[in-house]
C-alpha atoms as a PDB file:
ATOM      1  CA  MET A   1     -15.993  16.448   2.471  1.00  0.00           C
ATOM      2  CA  SER A   2     -17.936  13.693   4.206  1.00  0.00           C
ATOM      3  CA  ASN A   3     -18.478  10.344   2.527  1.00  0.00           C
ATOM      4  CA  ILE A   4     -22.200  11.052   2.249  1.00  0.00           C
ATOM      5  CA  ASP A   5     -21.399  14.317   0.452  1.00  0.00           C
ATOM      6  CA  LYS A   6     -19.221  12.374  -1.984  1.00  0.00           C
ATOM      7  CA  LEU A   7     -22.284  10.277  -2.871  1.00  0.00           C
ATOM      8  CA  ALA A   8     -24.526  13.285  -3.484  1.00  0.00           C
ATOM      9  CA  PRO A   9     -24.078  13.537  -7.303  1.00  0.00           C
ATOM     10  CA  TYR A  10     -25.379   9.982  -7.708  1.00  0.00           C
ATOM     11  CA  ALA A  11     -27.826   9.628  -4.822  1.00  0.00           C
ATOM     12  CA  GLN A  12     -30.928  10.251  -6.926  1.00  0.00           C
ATOM     13  CA  HIS A  13     -30.170   6.987  -8.730  1.00  0.00           C
ATOM     14  CA  PHE A  14     -29.865   4.920  -5.534  1.00  0.00           C
ATOM     15  CA  GLY A  15     -32.509   2.510  -4.339  1.00  0.00           C
ATOM     16  CA  ARG A  16     -32.346   3.810  -0.757  1.00  0.00           C
ATOM     17  CA  PRO A  17     -31.047   6.770   1.278  1.00  0.00           C
ATOM     18  CA  ALA A  18     -27.434   7.812   0.740  1.00  0.00           C
ATOM     19  CA  ALA A  19     -26.700   7.441   4.470  1.00  0.00           C
ATOM     20  CA  GLU A  20     -27.543   3.722   4.263  1.00  0.00           C
ATOM     21  CA  VAL A  21     -25.400   3.320   1.152  1.00  0.00           C
ATOM     22  CA  ALA A  22     -22.511   5.089   2.907  1.00  0.00           C
ATOM     23  CA  ARG A  23     -22.801   2.792   5.912  1.00  0.00           C
ATOM     24  CA  ASP A  24     -22.577  -0.336   3.764  1.00  0.00           C
ATOM     25  CA  LEU A  25     -19.704   1.096   1.745  1.00  0.00           C
ATOM     26  CA  GLU A  26     -17.812   1.753   4.965  1.00  0.00           C
ATOM     27  CA  SER A  27     -18.343  -1.866   5.964  1.00  0.00           C
ATOM     28  CA  TYR A  28     -17.074  -2.896   2.533  1.00  0.00           C
ATOM     29  CA  ALA A  29     -13.996  -0.681   2.973  1.00  0.00           C
ATOM     30  CA  ASN A  30     -13.259  -2.323   6.318  1.00  0.00           C
ATOM     31  CA  LEU A  31     -13.466  -5.766   4.742  1.00  0.00           C
ATOM     32  CA  ILE A  32     -11.058  -4.681   2.003  1.00  0.00           C
ATOM     33  CA  LYS A  33      -8.531  -3.550   4.608  1.00  0.00           C
ATOM     34  CA  LYS A  34      -8.954  -6.795   6.540  1.00  0.00           C
ATOM     35  CA  TRP A  35      -8.541  -9.060   3.506  1.00  0.00           C
ATOM     36  CA  GLN A  36      -5.822  -7.009   1.821  1.00  0.00           C
ATOM     37  CA  ALA A  37      -3.210  -8.712   3.991  1.00  0.00           C
ATOM     38  CA  VAL A  38      -3.875 -12.103   2.353  1.00  0.00           C
ATOM     39  CA  GLN A  39      -5.167 -11.087  -1.076  1.00  0.00           C
ATOM     40  CA  ASN A  40      -4.204  -8.107  -3.216  1.00  0.00           C
ATOM     41  CA  LEU A  41      -7.660  -6.589  -3.747  1.00  0.00           C
ATOM     42  CA  VAL A  42      -6.575  -3.047  -4.568  1.00  0.00           C
ATOM     43  CA  SER A  43      -3.182  -1.556  -5.284  1.00  0.00           C
ATOM     44  CA  ARG A  44      -1.126  -0.451  -2.291  1.00  0.00           C
ATOM     45  CA  GLU A  45      -1.192   3.105  -3.672  1.00  0.00           C
ATOM     46  CA  THR A  46      -4.995   3.285  -3.604  1.00  0.00           C
ATOM     47  CA  LEU A  47      -5.699   1.426  -0.347  1.00  0.00           C
ATOM     48  CA  GLY A  48      -5.954   4.739   1.493  1.00  0.00           C
ATOM     49  CA  GLN A  49      -8.164   6.231  -1.223  1.00  0.00           C
ATOM     50  CA  VAL A  50     -10.772   3.509  -1.550  1.00  0.00           C
ATOM     51  CA  TRP A  51     -13.684   5.937  -1.574  1.00  0.00           C
ATOM     52  CA  GLU A  52     -12.364   8.239  -4.285  1.00  0.00           C
ATOM     53  CA  ARG A  53     -10.458   5.763  -6.462  1.00  0.00           C
ATOM     54  CA  HIS A  54     -12.812   2.803  -6.271  1.00  0.00           C
ATOM     55  CA  PHE A  55     -16.230   3.500  -4.732  1.00  0.00           C
ATOM     56  CA  ILE A  56     -17.043   6.810  -6.433  1.00  0.00           C
ATOM     57  CA  ASP A  57     -15.405   5.696  -9.662  1.00  0.00           C
ATOM     58  CA  SER A  58     -17.707   2.664  -9.670  1.00  0.00           C
ATOM     59  CA  LEU A  59     -20.853   4.528  -8.623  1.00  0.00           C
ATOM     60  CA  GLN A  60     -20.680   7.070 -11.436  1.00  0.00           C
ATOM     61  CA  ALA A  61     -21.986   4.276 -13.665  1.00  0.00           C
ATOM     62  CA  MET A  62     -25.321   4.528 -11.800  1.00  0.00           C
ATOM     63  CA  THR A  63     -26.162   7.562 -13.947  1.00  0.00           C
ATOM     64  CA  LEU A  64     -25.989   5.380 -17.094  1.00  0.00           C
ATOM     65  CA  LEU A  65     -28.318   2.662 -15.840  1.00  0.00           C
ATOM     66  CA  ARG A  66     -31.988   2.416 -16.745  1.00  0.00           C
ATOM     67  CA  PRO A  67     -34.966   1.570 -14.512  1.00  0.00           C
ATOM     68  CA  GLU A  68     -35.544  -1.583 -16.567  1.00  0.00           C
ATOM     69  CA  ASP A  69     -31.977  -2.848 -16.030  1.00  0.00           C
ATOM     70  CA  GLU A  70     -32.394  -5.780 -13.657  1.00  0.00           C
ATOM     71  CA  HIS A  71     -29.814  -8.435 -14.507  1.00  0.00           C
ATOM     72  CA  PHE A  72     -26.113  -7.543 -14.365  1.00  0.00           C
ATOM     73  CA  MET A  73     -22.990  -9.525 -15.177  1.00  0.00           C
ATOM     74  CA  ASP A  74     -19.576  -8.305 -14.042  1.00  0.00           C
ATOM     75  CA  ILE A  75     -16.571  -9.925 -15.735  1.00  0.00           C
ATOM     76  CA  GLY A  76     -13.263 -10.165 -13.887  1.00  0.00           C
ATOM     77  CA  SER A  77     -14.634  -8.763 -10.646  1.00  0.00           C
ATOM     78  CA  GLY A  78     -11.375  -8.791  -8.666  1.00  0.00           C
ATOM     79  CA  GLY A  79     -12.010  -6.775  -5.514  1.00  0.00           C
ATOM     80  CA  GLY A  80     -15.598  -6.144  -6.602  1.00  0.00           C
ATOM     81  CA  PHE A  81     -15.439  -3.005  -8.726  1.00  0.00           C
ATOM     82  CA  PRO A  82     -17.705  -1.709 -10.105  1.00  0.00           C
ATOM     83  CA  ALA A  83     -20.257  -4.413  -9.308  1.00  0.00           C
ATOM     84  CA  LEU A  84     -20.331  -4.407  -5.505  1.00  0.00           C
ATOM     85  CA  PRO A  85     -20.722  -0.625  -5.095  1.00  0.00           C
ATOM     86  CA  LEU A  86     -23.476  -0.771  -7.721  1.00  0.00           C
ATOM     87  CA  ALA A  87     -25.158  -3.636  -5.869  1.00  0.00           C
ATOM     88  CA  ILE A  88     -24.894  -1.750  -2.579  1.00  0.00           C
ATOM     89  CA  ALA A  89     -26.450   1.382  -4.092  1.00  0.00           C
ATOM     90  CA  SER A  90     -29.118  -0.702  -5.853  1.00  0.00           C
ATOM     91  CA  LYS A  91     -30.583  -2.239  -2.697  1.00  0.00           C
ATOM     92  CA  GLY A  92     -34.298  -1.546  -2.869  1.00  0.00           C
ATOM     93  CA  LEU A  93     -34.330  -1.921  -6.637  1.00  0.00           C
ATOM     94  CA  ASN A  94     -35.115  -5.150  -8.459  1.00  0.00           C
ATOM     95  CA  ARG A  95     -31.537  -5.848  -9.531  1.00  0.00           C
ATOM     96  CA  ARG A  96     -29.426  -8.988  -9.426  1.00  0.00           C
ATOM     97  CA  PHE A  97     -25.680  -9.104  -9.964  1.00  0.00           C
ATOM     98  CA  VAL A  98     -23.595 -12.039 -11.185  1.00  0.00           C
ATOM     99  CA  LEU A  99     -19.866 -11.595 -10.545  1.00  0.00           C
ATOM    100  CA  VAL A 100     -17.425 -13.691 -12.570  1.00  0.00           C
ATOM    101  CA  GLU A 101     -14.005 -14.117 -10.942  1.00  0.00           C
ATOM    102  CA  PRO A 102     -11.653 -17.130 -11.238  1.00  0.00           C
ATOM    103  CA  THR A 103      -9.255 -16.420  -8.332  1.00  0.00           C
ATOM    104  CA  THR A 104     -10.290 -18.551  -5.356  1.00  0.00           C
ATOM    105  CA  ARG A 105      -9.388 -16.099  -2.592  1.00  0.00           C
ATOM    106  CA  LYS A 106     -11.087 -13.220  -4.381  1.00  0.00           C
ATOM    107  CA  VAL A 107     -14.180 -15.396  -4.826  1.00  0.00           C
ATOM    108  CA  SER A 108     -14.199 -15.990  -1.065  1.00  0.00           C
ATOM    109  CA  PHE A 109     -13.856 -12.250  -0.422  1.00  0.00           C
ATOM    110  CA  LEU A 110     -16.665 -11.324  -2.822  1.00  0.00           C
ATOM    111  CA  ARG A 111     -18.981 -13.910  -1.275  1.00  0.00           C
ATOM    112  CA  THR A 112     -18.141 -12.639   2.200  1.00  0.00           C
ATOM    113  CA  VAL A 113     -19.046  -9.057   1.268  1.00  0.00           C
ATOM    114  CA  ALA A 114     -22.264 -10.195  -0.426  1.00  0.00           C
ATOM    115  CA  ARG A 115     -23.264 -12.261   2.604  1.00  0.00           C
ATOM    116  CA  GLU A 116     -22.404  -9.706   5.275  1.00  0.00           C
ATOM    117  CA  LEU A 117     -24.087  -6.831   3.419  1.00  0.00           C
ATOM    118  CA  LYS A 118     -27.029  -8.972   2.267  1.00  0.00           C
ATOM    119  CA  LEU A 119     -26.564  -8.124  -1.394  1.00  0.00           C
ATOM    120  CA  SER A 120     -28.409  -9.635  -4.340  1.00  0.00           C
ATOM    121  CA  VAL A 121     -25.169 -11.078  -5.679  1.00  0.00           C
ATOM    122  CA  GLU A 122     -24.042 -14.436  -7.048  1.00  0.00           C
ATOM    123  CA  VAL A 123     -20.329 -15.103  -7.473  1.00  0.00           C
ATOM    124  CA  ILE A 124     -19.171 -17.590 -10.109  1.00  0.00           C
ATOM    125  CA  GLY A 125     -15.655 -18.860  -9.526  1.00  0.00           C
ATOM    126  CA  LEU A 126     -14.713 -19.306 -13.179  1.00  0.00           C
ATOM    127  CA  ARG A 127     -13.344 -17.357 -16.110  1.00  0.00           C
ATOM    128  CA  SER A 128     -16.035 -16.011 -18.393  1.00  0.00           C
ATOM    129  CA  ASP A 129     -14.855 -18.269 -21.226  1.00  0.00           C
ATOM    130  CA  GLN A 130     -15.495 -21.284 -18.995  1.00  0.00           C
ATOM    131  CA  ILE A 131     -19.188 -20.409 -18.637  1.00  0.00           C
ATOM    132  CA  ASP A 132     -21.759 -21.790 -21.058  1.00  0.00           C
ATOM    133  CA  SER A 133     -23.716 -18.721 -22.120  1.00  0.00           C
ATOM    134  CA  ARG A 134     -26.633 -20.970 -23.126  1.00  0.00           C
ATOM    135  CA  GLU A 135     -27.128 -21.788 -19.458  1.00  0.00           C
ATOM    136  CA  THR A 136     -27.057 -18.226 -18.151  1.00  0.00           C
ATOM    137  CA  GLN A 137     -29.665 -15.500 -18.174  1.00  0.00           C
ATOM    138  CA  VAL A 138     -29.009 -12.844 -20.796  1.00  0.00           C
ATOM    139  CA  PRO A 139     -27.801  -9.771 -18.885  1.00  0.00           C
ATOM    140  CA  ASP A 140     -29.249  -6.332 -19.360  1.00  0.00           C
ATOM    141  CA  VAL A 141     -25.860  -4.836 -18.485  1.00  0.00           C
ATOM    142  CA  ILE A 142     -22.320  -6.214 -18.555  1.00  0.00           C
ATOM    143  CA  THR A 143     -19.723  -4.342 -16.519  1.00  0.00           C
ATOM    144  CA  SER A 144     -15.952  -4.599 -16.279  1.00  0.00           C
ATOM    145  CA  ARG A 145     -13.196  -2.418 -14.876  1.00  0.00           C
ATOM    146  CA  ALA A 146      -9.417  -2.661 -15.228  1.00  0.00           C
ATOM    147  CA  LEU A 147      -9.513  -6.156 -16.711  1.00  0.00           C
ATOM    148  CA  ALA A 148      -8.289  -6.152 -20.318  1.00  0.00           C
ATOM    149  CA  ALA A 149      -8.037  -4.150 -23.518  1.00  0.00           C
ATOM    150  CA  LEU A 150     -11.336  -3.586 -25.308  1.00  0.00           C
ATOM    151  CA  PRO A 151     -10.803  -6.070 -28.203  1.00  0.00           C
ATOM    152  CA  GLN A 152     -10.255  -8.887 -25.692  1.00  0.00           C
ATOM    153  CA  LEU A 153     -13.163  -7.700 -23.542  1.00  0.00           C
ATOM    154  CA  CYS A 154     -15.464  -7.852 -26.561  1.00  0.00           C
ATOM    155  CA  ALA A 155     -14.432 -11.455 -27.211  1.00  0.00           C
ATOM    156  CA  TRP A 156     -15.250 -12.372 -23.621  1.00  0.00           C
ATOM    157  CA  MET A 157     -18.527 -10.438 -23.520  1.00  0.00           C
ATOM    158  CA  ALA A 158     -19.961 -11.315 -26.933  1.00  0.00           C
ATOM    159  CA  PRO A 159     -21.320 -14.796 -26.017  1.00  0.00           C
ATOM    160  CA  PHE A 160     -23.503 -13.209 -23.326  1.00  0.00           C
ATOM    161  CA  PHE A 161     -24.877 -10.350 -25.414  1.00  0.00           C
ATOM    162  CA  GLY A 162     -28.571 -10.315 -26.230  1.00  0.00           C
ATOM    163  CA  PRO A 163     -30.369  -7.862 -28.522  1.00  0.00           C
ATOM    164  CA  SER A 164     -30.826  -5.315 -25.726  1.00  0.00           C
ATOM    165  CA  THR A 165     -27.648  -5.959 -23.707  1.00  0.00           C
ATOM    166  CA  ARG A 166     -25.358  -3.013 -23.021  1.00  0.00           C
ATOM    167  CA  ALA A 167     -21.787  -3.067 -21.775  1.00  0.00           C
ATOM    168  CA  VAL A 168     -20.789  -0.272 -19.375  1.00  0.00           C
ATOM    169  CA  LEU A 169     -17.002  -0.203 -19.224  1.00  0.00           C
ATOM    170  CA  HIS A 170     -14.544   1.988 -17.320  1.00  0.00           C
ATOM    171  CA  LYS A 171     -11.589   2.906 -19.514  1.00  0.00           C
ATOM    172  CA  GLY A 172      -8.555   5.173 -19.239  1.00  0.00           C
ATOM    173  CA  ARG A 173      -6.634   7.338 -21.672  1.00  0.00           C
ATOM    174  CA  GLU A 174      -5.994   4.356 -23.961  1.00  0.00           C
ATOM    175  CA  HIS A 175      -9.670   4.171 -24.948  1.00  0.00           C
ATOM    176  CA  VAL A 176      -9.218   5.949 -28.302  1.00  0.00           C
ATOM    177  CA  GLU A 177      -6.638   3.441 -29.518  1.00  0.00           C
ATOM    178  CA  GLU A 178      -8.631   0.530 -28.084  1.00  0.00           C
ATOM    179  CA  LEU A 179     -11.761   1.646 -29.923  1.00  0.00           C
ATOM    180  CA  ARG A 180      -9.800   1.890 -33.152  1.00  0.00           C
ATOM    181  CA  GLU A 181      -8.408  -1.618 -32.736  1.00  0.00           C
ATOM    182  CA  THR A 182     -11.786  -2.989 -31.734  1.00  0.00           C
ATOM    183  CA  SER A 183     -13.549  -1.557 -34.791  1.00  0.00           C
ATOM    184  CA  VAL A 184     -11.352  -3.750 -37.009  1.00  0.00           C
ATOM    185  CA  LEU A 185     -12.806  -6.906 -35.443  1.00  0.00           C
ATOM    186  CA  TRP A 186     -16.207  -5.942 -34.081  1.00  0.00           C
ATOM    187  CA  ASP A 187     -19.335  -4.045 -35.049  1.00  0.00           C
ATOM    188  CA  TYR A 188     -20.914  -2.034 -32.240  1.00  0.00           C
ATOM    189  CA  ASP A 189     -22.537   1.233 -31.289  1.00  0.00           C
ATOM    190  CA  VAL A 190     -20.795   3.231 -28.592  1.00  0.00           C
ATOM    191  CA  LEU A 191     -21.511   6.204 -26.361  1.00  0.00           C
ATOM    192  CA  ILE A 192     -18.590   7.881 -24.595  1.00  0.00           C
ATOM    193  CA  ASP A 193     -19.028   9.692 -21.279  1.00  0.00           C
ATOM    194  CA  LYS A 194     -16.179  11.482 -19.534  1.00  0.00           C
ATOM    195  CA  SER A 195     -15.157  10.049 -16.190  1.00  0.00           C
ATOM    196  CA  ASP A 196     -15.971  12.046 -13.072  1.00  0.00           C
ATOM    197  CA  THR A 197     -12.890  10.718 -11.299  1.00  0.00           C
ATOM    198  CA  ASP A 198     -10.189  10.421 -13.977  1.00  0.00           C
ATOM    199  CA  PRO A 199      -9.469  13.437 -16.215  1.00  0.00           C
ATOM    200  CA  SER A 200      -8.226  11.139 -18.988  1.00  0.00           C
ATOM    201  CA  GLY A 201     -10.788   8.395 -18.390  1.00  0.00           C
ATOM    202  CA  VAL A 202     -14.176   7.600 -19.857  1.00  0.00           C
ATOM    203  CA  ILE A 203     -17.074   5.230 -19.466  1.00  0.00           C
ATOM    204  CA  LEU A 204     -17.955   3.443 -22.691  1.00  0.00           C
ATOM    205  CA  THR A 205     -21.462   2.136 -23.278  1.00  0.00           C
ATOM    206  CA  LEU A 206     -21.478  -0.498 -26.031  1.00  0.00           C
ATOM    207  CA  GLN A 207     -24.576  -1.857 -27.750  1.00  0.00           C
ATOM    208  CA  ASN A 208     -25.293  -4.138 -30.697  1.00  0.00           C
ATOM    209  CA  LEU A 209     -21.990  -5.977 -30.357  1.00  0.00           C
ATOM    210  CA  SER A 210     -21.222  -8.574 -33.025  1.00  0.00           C
ATOM    211  CA  ALA A 211     -18.110  -9.958 -34.695  1.00  0.00           C
ATOM    212  CA  LYS A 212     -17.379  -8.642 -38.175  1.00  0.00           C
ATOM    213  CA  SER A 213     -18.047 -11.213 -40.861  1.00  0.00           C
ATOM    214  CA  GLY A 214     -14.969 -12.671 -42.477  1.00  0.00           C
ATOM    215  CA  VAL A 215     -12.629 -11.680 -39.633  1.00  0.00           C
END
């Protein structure tokens, strides 16, 4: 199957033709391979499966986005997933992505990809808990992938939540237990969609996040 064919299930949600998205993703893949020697961007086991394990896994979130979603915040961006594939596919749409990543070399990598592919991306070289949420635009969507368990993620995301903010989070088989633990500390509404790439994985969409009173 060609890389363009792999994009077909999500192409209707792109801001431009799938062939252009595929070209930029290939450039992104080449940069990953180049930088991998000095910074561990993806696991050694998945370096040869970047399209399936990282690009397509990230892009399935496009189906959960709304036309009015314009401002995105990605927490713990690492090698750029899911935010950079989403930004690449969203060229032509009025979307802006803020990537939060504290590791200096990864910050340099993310900025290099954003510059070379001319993406609407800002990279903040801090941890999310070092950012004053009063000085940032309230995001429409917060994303995160392979960063932390859900209770900790909620603590990091909550300061940035506005009344209409949604969190779109990639989770694995542990999501049931994480949701149970999270419900002890947090109030939220959640939608659960099965992952297209991981038989035991899901994408969680959280809304109306707030800490439980008295906890």
